[in-house]
Amino acid sequence: MAKKNDSFYFDAFRESADCACRAAKLLSDVMHDYDPERLREHMAAMHEIEQAADDVRHGVMDELVSAFITPFEREDIAELSHILDDVTDRIDGTLQRLYYDNVTEIRPDALEMVDMVAKSCKRMAKLIDELPRFKRSKKLRKLVFDVNNIESDADTLYVDAMRALHTDGTDALQVFAWHEVYANLELCTDDCEHVADAVDHIVMKNS
């Protein structure tokens, strides 16, 4: 059973992962039912999620200042909290790019990519949910590999999408816009992988 002071950090990590999942679902919903006229409305909703994620990270950092005992090294707690927040920030940034780059229609391969982002966030959340049992869990390494594999698949799709964009695109402004959107969608899965790698690092240090 985790000590009370330990449970604070694990609960915060879960909240951060939940924010990322909520952000990914919102982005997926927006892209699958795309209406450029509603982007400002969706950005406001995304901002609330992003602010909630920031509040969780700030709470962790405030607690670390005065904490006497932590479940693992302070630097690792701070790093994991930071990169979990990065996932939500990146998803938020992707939605913003749809708006200020004036994306008018969604390309089919972008829907595949955002589905991968949502899938990666869900696996990442399962990984974080397993983290309190990091000293004895038999599931953590598989969950790390699952997130890594999704990121690898997303890389492949990104390369194919960028090739199609630069081969078939006729509107220079839309090519530029989609270049940014595709890059950010791929970076979302990279950020999930960074979380998985950080967890793997924590497990290896404390085994």
C-alpha atoms as a PDB file:
ATOM      1  CA  MET A   1       0.000   0.000   0.000  1.00  0.00           C
ATOM      2  CA  ALA A   2       1.436   3.372  -0.993  1.00  0.00           C
ATOM      3  CA  LYS A   3       1.998   5.824   1.840  1.00  0.00           C
ATOM      4  CA  LYS A   4      -0.263   8.867   1.891  1.00  0.00           C
ATOM      5  CA  ASN A   5       2.470  11.200   0.712  1.00  0.00           C
ATOM      6  CA  ASP A   6       3.294   8.800  -2.123  1.00  0.00           C
ATOM      7  CA  SER A   7      -0.332   8.581  -3.226  1.00  0.00           C
ATOM      8  CA  PHE A   8      -0.403  12.351  -3.780  1.00  0.00           C
ATOM      9  CA  TYR A   9       2.149  12.063  -6.588  1.00  0.00           C
ATOM     10  CA  PHE A  10       0.600   9.007  -8.195  1.00  0.00           C
ATOM     11  CA  ASP A  11      -2.838  10.630  -8.119  1.00  0.00           C
ATOM     12  CA  ALA A  12      -1.371  13.752  -9.707  1.00  0.00           C
ATOM     13  CA  PHE A  13       0.240  11.704 -12.464  1.00  0.00           C
ATOM     14  CA  ARG A  14      -3.117  10.046 -13.125  1.00  0.00           C
ATOM     15  CA  GLU A  15      -4.812  13.445 -13.300  1.00  0.00           C
ATOM     16  CA  SER A  16      -2.193  14.647 -15.786  1.00  0.00           C
ATOM     17  CA  ALA A  17      -2.662  11.563 -17.948  1.00  0.00           C
ATOM     18  CA  ASP A  18      -6.428  12.039 -17.782  1.00  0.00           C
ATOM     19  CA  CYS A  19      -6.035  15.628 -18.999  1.00  0.00           C
ATOM     20  CA  ALA A  20      -4.025  14.352 -21.956  1.00  0.00           C
ATOM     21  CA  CYS A  21      -6.713  11.773 -22.764  1.00  0.00           C
ATOM     22  CA  ARG A  22      -9.452  14.402 -22.569  1.00  0.00           C
ATOM     23  CA  ALA A  23      -7.458  16.719 -24.820  1.00  0.00           C
ATOM     24  CA  ALA A  24      -6.834  13.930 -27.338  1.00  0.00           C
ATOM     25  CA  LYS A  25     -10.530  13.014 -27.399  1.00  0.00           C
ATOM     26  CA  LEU A  26     -11.493  16.639 -27.960  1.00  0.00           C
ATOM     27  CA  LEU A  27      -9.001  17.010 -30.811  1.00  0.00           C
ATOM     28  CA  SER A  28     -10.208  13.753 -32.354  1.00  0.00           C
ATOM     29  CA  ASP A  29     -13.853  14.799 -32.087  1.00  0.00           C
ATOM     30  CA  VAL A  30     -13.074  18.170 -33.657  1.00  0.00           C
ATOM     31  CA  MET A  31     -11.194  16.638 -36.578  1.00  0.00           C
ATOM     32  CA  HIS A  32     -13.687  13.845 -37.238  1.00  0.00           C
ATOM     33  CA  ASP A  33     -16.596  16.299 -37.322  1.00  0.00           C
ATOM     34  CA  TYR A  34     -14.711  19.280 -38.670  1.00  0.00           C
ATOM     35  CA  ASP A  35     -16.283  22.723 -38.730  1.00  0.00           C
ATOM     36  CA  PRO A  36     -13.778  25.597 -39.083  1.00  0.00           C
ATOM     37  CA  GLU A  37     -16.392  28.030 -37.792  1.00  0.00           C
ATOM     38  CA  ARG A  38     -16.440  26.308 -34.398  1.00  0.00           C
ATOM     39  CA  LEU A  39     -12.684  26.213 -33.831  1.00  0.00           C
ATOM     40  CA  ARG A  40     -12.656  29.175 -31.441  1.00  0.00           C
ATOM     41  CA  GLU A  41     -15.287  27.442 -29.326  1.00  0.00           C
ATOM     42  CA  HIS A  42     -13.268  24.224 -29.288  1.00  0.00           C
ATOM     43  CA  MET A  43     -10.081  26.135 -28.454  1.00  0.00           C
ATOM     44  CA  ALA A  44     -11.797  27.572 -25.370  1.00  0.00           C
ATOM     45  CA  ALA A  45     -12.721  24.063 -24.218  1.00  0.00           C
ATOM     46  CA  MET A  46      -9.184  22.840 -24.903  1.00  0.00           C
ATOM     47  CA  HIS A  47      -7.757  25.765 -22.941  1.00  0.00           C
ATOM     48  CA  GLU A  48      -9.716  24.664 -19.871  1.00  0.00           C
ATOM     49  CA  ILE A  49      -8.161  21.197 -20.112  1.00  0.00           C
ATOM     50  CA  GLU A  50      -4.702  22.683 -20.609  1.00  0.00           C
ATOM     51  CA  GLN A  51      -5.159  24.922 -17.568  1.00  0.00           C
ATOM     52  CA  ALA A  52      -6.233  21.949 -15.466  1.00  0.00           C
ATOM     53  CA  ALA A  53      -3.094  20.094 -16.536  1.00  0.00           C
ATOM     54  CA  ASP A  54      -0.958  23.104 -15.604  1.00  0.00           C
ATOM     55  CA  ASP A  55      -2.595  23.262 -12.180  1.00  0.00           C
ATOM     56  CA  VAL A  56      -1.713  19.610 -11.539  1.00  0.00           C
ATOM     57  CA  ARG A  57       1.915  20.179 -12.515  1.00  0.00           C
ATOM     58  CA  HIS A  58       2.179  23.270 -10.357  1.00  0.00           C
ATOM     59  CA  GLY A  59       0.719  21.350  -7.424  1.00  0.00           C
ATOM     60  CA  VAL A  60       3.352  18.649  -7.788  1.00  0.00           C
ATOM     61  CA  MET A  61       6.166  21.187  -7.923  1.00  0.00           C
ATOM     62  CA  ASP A  62       4.823  23.020  -4.864  1.00  0.00           C
ATOM     63  CA  GLU A  63       4.640  19.759  -2.924  1.00  0.00           C
ATOM     64  CA  LEU A  64       8.184  18.775  -3.889  1.00  0.00           C
ATOM     65  CA  VAL A  65       9.561  21.930  -2.292  1.00  0.00           C
ATOM     66  CA  SER A  66       8.572  20.819   1.203  1.00  0.00           C
ATOM     67  CA  ALA A  67       8.261  17.028   0.848  1.00  0.00           C
ATOM     68  CA  PHE A  68      10.414  14.975   3.205  1.00  0.00           C
ATOM     69  CA  ILE A  69       9.781  11.565   1.652  1.00  0.00           C
ATOM     70  CA  THR A  70       8.963  10.858  -2.005  1.00  0.00           C
ATOM     71  CA  PRO A  71       8.226   7.545  -3.767  1.00  0.00           C
ATOM     72  CA  PHE A  72      11.311   7.977  -5.963  1.00  0.00           C
ATOM     73  CA  GLU A  73      13.854  10.698  -6.649  1.00  0.00           C
ATOM     74  CA  ARG A  74      12.591  14.274  -6.732  1.00  0.00           C
ATOM     75  CA  GLU A  75      14.228  14.954 -10.084  1.00  0.00           C
ATOM     76  CA  ASP A  76      12.375  12.011 -11.634  1.00  0.00           C
ATOM     77  CA  ILE A  77       9.058  13.155 -10.171  1.00  0.00           C
ATOM     78  CA  ALA A  78       9.586  16.658 -11.527  1.00  0.00           C
ATOM     79  CA  GLU A  79      10.611  15.338 -14.947  1.00  0.00           C
ATOM     80  CA  LEU A  80       7.656  12.967 -15.248  1.00  0.00           C
ATOM     81  CA  SER A  81       5.224  15.693 -14.178  1.00  0.00           C
ATOM     82  CA  HIS A  82       6.697  18.057 -16.752  1.00  0.00           C
ATOM     83  CA  ILE A  83       6.596  15.674 -19.708  1.00  0.00           C
ATOM     84  CA  LEU A  84       3.071  14.517 -18.865  1.00  0.00           C
ATOM     85  CA  ASP A  85       2.030  18.156 -19.091  1.00  0.00           C
ATOM     86  CA  ASP A  86       3.870  18.413 -22.424  1.00  0.00           C
ATOM     87  CA  VAL A  87       1.442  15.903 -23.969  1.00  0.00           C
ATOM     88  CA  THR A  88      -1.572  18.101 -23.242  1.00  0.00           C
ATOM     89  CA  ASP A  89       0.306  21.225 -24.330  1.00  0.00           C
ATOM     90  CA  ARG A  90       1.201  19.637 -27.663  1.00  0.00           C
ATOM     91  CA  ILE A  91      -2.385  18.548 -28.345  1.00  0.00           C
ATOM     92  CA  ASP A  92      -3.553  22.054 -27.493  1.00  0.00           C
ATOM     93  CA  GLY A  93      -0.971  23.452 -29.902  1.00  0.00           C
ATOM     94  CA  THR A  94      -2.177  21.166 -32.679  1.00  0.00           C
ATOM     95  CA  LEU A  95      -5.721  22.474 -32.366  1.00  0.00           C
ATOM     96  CA  GLN A  96      -4.420  26.037 -32.425  1.00  0.00           C
ATOM     97  CA  ARG A  97      -2.593  25.351 -35.681  1.00  0.00           C
ATOM     98  CA  LEU A  98      -5.786  24.183 -37.326  1.00  0.00           C
ATOM     99  CA  TYR A  99      -7.177  27.605 -36.457  1.00  0.00           C
ATOM    100  CA  TYR A 100      -4.399  30.061 -37.222  1.00  0.00           C
ATOM    101  CA  ASP A 101      -3.139  28.208 -40.304  1.00  0.00           C
ATOM    102  CA  ASN A 102      -6.744  28.355 -41.568  1.00  0.00           C
ATOM    103  CA  VAL A 103      -7.186  24.661 -42.292  1.00  0.00           C
ATOM    104  CA  THR A 104     -10.496  24.417 -44.138  1.00  0.00           C
ATOM    105  CA  GLU A 105     -10.801  20.660 -44.716  1.00  0.00           C
ATOM    106  CA  ILE A 106      -9.424  17.610 -42.931  1.00  0.00           C
ATOM    107  CA  ARG A 107      -7.269  15.194 -44.888  1.00  0.00           C
ATOM    108  CA  PRO A 108      -8.129  11.496 -44.370  1.00  0.00           C
ATOM    109  CA  ASP A 109      -4.638  10.491 -43.224  1.00  0.00           C
ATOM    110  CA  ALA A 110      -4.813  13.190 -40.539  1.00  0.00           C
ATOM    111  CA  LEU A 111      -7.778  11.327 -39.052  1.00  0.00           C
ATOM    112  CA  GLU A 112      -5.646   8.195 -38.862  1.00  0.00           C
ATOM    113  CA  MET A 113      -2.950  10.190 -37.115  1.00  0.00           C
ATOM    114  CA  VAL A 114      -5.249  11.766 -34.546  1.00  0.00           C
ATOM    115  CA  ASP A 115      -6.705   8.308 -33.835  1.00  0.00           C
ATOM    116  CA  MET A 116      -3.139   7.191 -33.080  1.00  0.00           C
ATOM    117  CA  VAL A 117      -2.699  10.150 -30.736  1.00  0.00           C
ATOM    118  CA  ALA A 118      -5.852   9.183 -28.841  1.00  0.00           C
ATOM    119  CA  LYS A 119      -4.751   5.532 -28.727  1.00  0.00           C
ATOM    120  CA  SER A 120      -1.311   6.496 -27.479  1.00  0.00           C
ATOM    121  CA  CYS A 121      -2.770   8.661 -24.719  1.00  0.00           C
ATOM    122  CA  LYS A 122      -5.015   5.822 -23.563  1.00  0.00           C
ATOM    123  CA  ARG A 123      -2.084   3.408 -23.371  1.00  0.00           C
ATOM    124  CA  MET A 124      -0.018   6.044 -21.604  1.00  0.00           C
ATOM    125  CA  ALA A 125      -2.821   6.489 -19.059  1.00  0.00           C
ATOM    126  CA  LYS A 126      -2.849   2.721 -18.410  1.00  0.00           C
ATOM    127  CA  LEU A 127       0.904   2.883 -17.919  1.00  0.00           C
ATOM    128  CA  ILE A 128       0.567   5.718 -15.396  1.00  0.00           C
ATOM    129  CA  ASP A 129      -2.220   3.848 -13.606  1.00  0.00           C
ATOM    130  CA  GLU A 130       0.195   0.944 -13.146  1.00  0.00           C
ATOM    131  CA  LEU A 131       3.020   3.158 -11.892  1.00  0.00           C
ATOM    132  CA  PRO A 132       2.241   2.878  -8.132  1.00  0.00           C
ATOM    133  CA  ARG A 133       3.177  -0.812  -8.436  1.00  0.00           C
ATOM    134  CA  PHE A 134       6.449  -0.022 -10.215  1.00  0.00           C
ATOM    135  CA  LYS A 135       8.550  -2.162  -7.851  1.00  0.00           C
ATOM    136  CA  ARG A 136       6.637  -5.368  -8.554  1.00  0.00           C
ATOM    137  CA  SER A 137       4.522  -4.822 -11.662  1.00  0.00           C
ATOM    138  CA  LYS A 138       4.754  -7.333 -14.484  1.00  0.00           C
ATOM    139  CA  LYS A 139       2.706  -5.104 -16.809  1.00  0.00           C
ATOM    140  CA  LEU A 140       4.748  -1.913 -16.904  1.00  0.00           C
ATOM    141  CA  ARG A 141       7.327  -2.979 -19.462  1.00  0.00           C
ATOM    142  CA  LYS A 142       4.664  -4.255 -21.873  1.00  0.00           C
ATOM    143  CA  LEU A 143       2.781  -0.976 -21.570  1.00  0.00           C
ATOM    144  CA  VAL A 144       6.001   0.921 -22.275  1.00  0.00           C
ATOM    145  CA  PHE A 145       6.496  -1.193 -25.397  1.00  0.00           C
ATOM    146  CA  ASP A 146       2.890  -0.596 -26.460  1.00  0.00           C
ATOM    147  CA  VAL A 147       3.389   3.182 -26.379  1.00  0.00           C
ATOM    148  CA  ASN A 148       6.698   2.834 -28.223  1.00  0.00           C
ATOM    149  CA  ASN A 149       5.066   0.715 -30.928  1.00  0.00           C
ATOM    150  CA  ILE A 150       2.271   3.244 -31.465  1.00  0.00           C
ATOM    151  CA  GLU A 151       4.887   5.974 -31.863  1.00  0.00           C
ATOM    152  CA  SER A 152       6.708   3.865 -34.455  1.00  0.00           C
ATOM    153  CA  ASP A 153       3.484   3.328 -36.410  1.00  0.00           C
ATOM    154  CA  ALA A 154       2.774   7.062 -36.205  1.00  0.00           C
ATOM    155  CA  ASP A 155       6.229   7.798 -37.634  1.00  0.00           C
ATOM    156  CA  THR A 156       5.474   5.610 -40.645  1.00  0.00           C
ATOM    157  CA  LEU A 157       2.099   7.240 -41.216  1.00  0.00           C
ATOM    158  CA  TYR A 158       3.676  10.692 -40.843  1.00  0.00           C
ATOM    159  CA  VAL A 159       6.238   9.971 -43.568  1.00  0.00           C
ATOM    160  CA  ASP A 160       3.533   8.682 -45.921  1.00  0.00           C
ATOM    161  CA  ALA A 161       1.254  11.649 -45.163  1.00  0.00           C
ATOM    162  CA  MET A 162       4.015  14.180 -45.769  1.00  0.00           C
ATOM    163  CA  ARG A 163       4.950  12.473 -49.042  1.00  0.00           C
ATOM    164  CA  ALA A 164       1.344  12.616 -50.235  1.00  0.00           C
ATOM    165  CA  LEU A 165       1.034  16.234 -49.142  1.00  0.00           C
ATOM    166  CA  HIS A 166       4.084  17.387 -51.067  1.00  0.00           C
ATOM    167  CA  THR A 167       3.268  15.222 -54.077  1.00  0.00           C
ATOM    168  CA  ASP A 168      -0.430  15.992 -54.474  1.00  0.00           C
ATOM    169  CA  GLY A 169      -0.864  19.375 -52.798  1.00  0.00           C
ATOM    170  CA  THR A 170      -1.686  22.257 -55.142  1.00  0.00           C
ATOM    171  CA  ASP A 171      -2.461  25.078 -52.681  1.00  0.00           C
ATOM    172  CA  ALA A 172       0.847  26.337 -51.264  1.00  0.00           C
ATOM    173  CA  LEU A 173      -0.758  27.819 -48.155  1.00  0.00           C
ATOM    174  CA  GLN A 174      -2.585  24.599 -47.348  1.00  0.00           C
ATOM    175  CA  VAL A 175       0.598  22.592 -47.933  1.00  0.00           C
ATOM    176  CA  PHE A 176       2.356  24.819 -45.412  1.00  0.00           C
ATOM    177  CA  ALA A 177      -0.544  24.537 -42.960  1.00  0.00           C
ATOM    178  CA  TRP A 178      -0.687  20.759 -43.167  1.00  0.00           C
ATOM    179  CA  HIS A 179       3.071  20.500 -42.845  1.00  0.00           C
ATOM    180  CA  GLU A 180       2.694  22.037 -39.372  1.00  0.00           C
ATOM    181  CA  VAL A 181      -0.377  20.023 -38.414  1.00  0.00           C
ATOM    182  CA  TYR A 182       1.143  16.696 -39.433  1.00  0.00           C
ATOM    183  CA  ALA A 183       4.373  17.522 -37.608  1.00  0.00           C
ATOM    184  CA  ASN A 184       2.485  18.339 -34.421  1.00  0.00           C
ATOM    185  CA  LEU A 185       0.327  15.225 -34.585  1.00  0.00           C
ATOM    186  CA  GLU A 186       3.465  13.131 -34.872  1.00  0.00           C
ATOM    187  CA  LEU A 187       5.066  15.012 -31.983  1.00  0.00           C
ATOM    188  CA  CYS A 188       2.038  14.198 -29.821  1.00  0.00           C
ATOM    189  CA  THR A 189       2.909  10.514 -30.065  1.00  0.00           C
ATOM    190  CA  ASP A 190       6.577  11.383 -29.473  1.00  0.00           C
ATOM    191  CA  ASP A 191       5.574  13.105 -26.236  1.00  0.00           C
ATOM    192  CA  CYS A 192       3.633  10.029 -25.115  1.00  0.00           C
ATOM    193  CA  GLU A 193       6.735   7.966 -25.818  1.00  0.00           C
ATOM    194  CA  HIS A 194       8.797  10.366 -23.697  1.00  0.00           C
ATOM    195  CA  VAL A 195       6.434   9.630 -20.808  1.00  0.00           C
ATOM    196  CA  ALA A 196       6.807   5.882 -21.356  1.00  0.00           C
ATOM    197  CA  ASP A 197      10.600   6.181 -21.506  1.00  0.00           C
ATOM    198  CA  ALA A 198      10.634   8.242 -18.298  1.00  0.00           C
ATOM    199  CA  VAL A 199       8.575   5.578 -16.530  1.00  0.00           C
ATOM    200  CA  ASP A 200      10.900   2.889 -17.858  1.00  0.00           C
ATOM    201  CA  HIS A 201      13.858   4.871 -16.528  1.00  0.00           C
ATOM    202  CA  ILE A 202      12.237   5.141 -13.098  1.00  0.00           C
ATOM    203  CA  VAL A 203      11.566   1.397 -13.002  1.00  0.00           C
ATOM    204  CA  MET A 204      15.138   0.550 -13.982  1.00  0.00           C
ATOM    205  CA  LYS A 205      16.601   2.897 -11.349  1.00  0.00           C
ATOM    206  CA  ASN A 206      14.414   1.489  -8.594  1.00  0.00           C
ATOM    207  CA  SER A 207      14.460  -2.214  -9.402  1.00  0.00           C
END
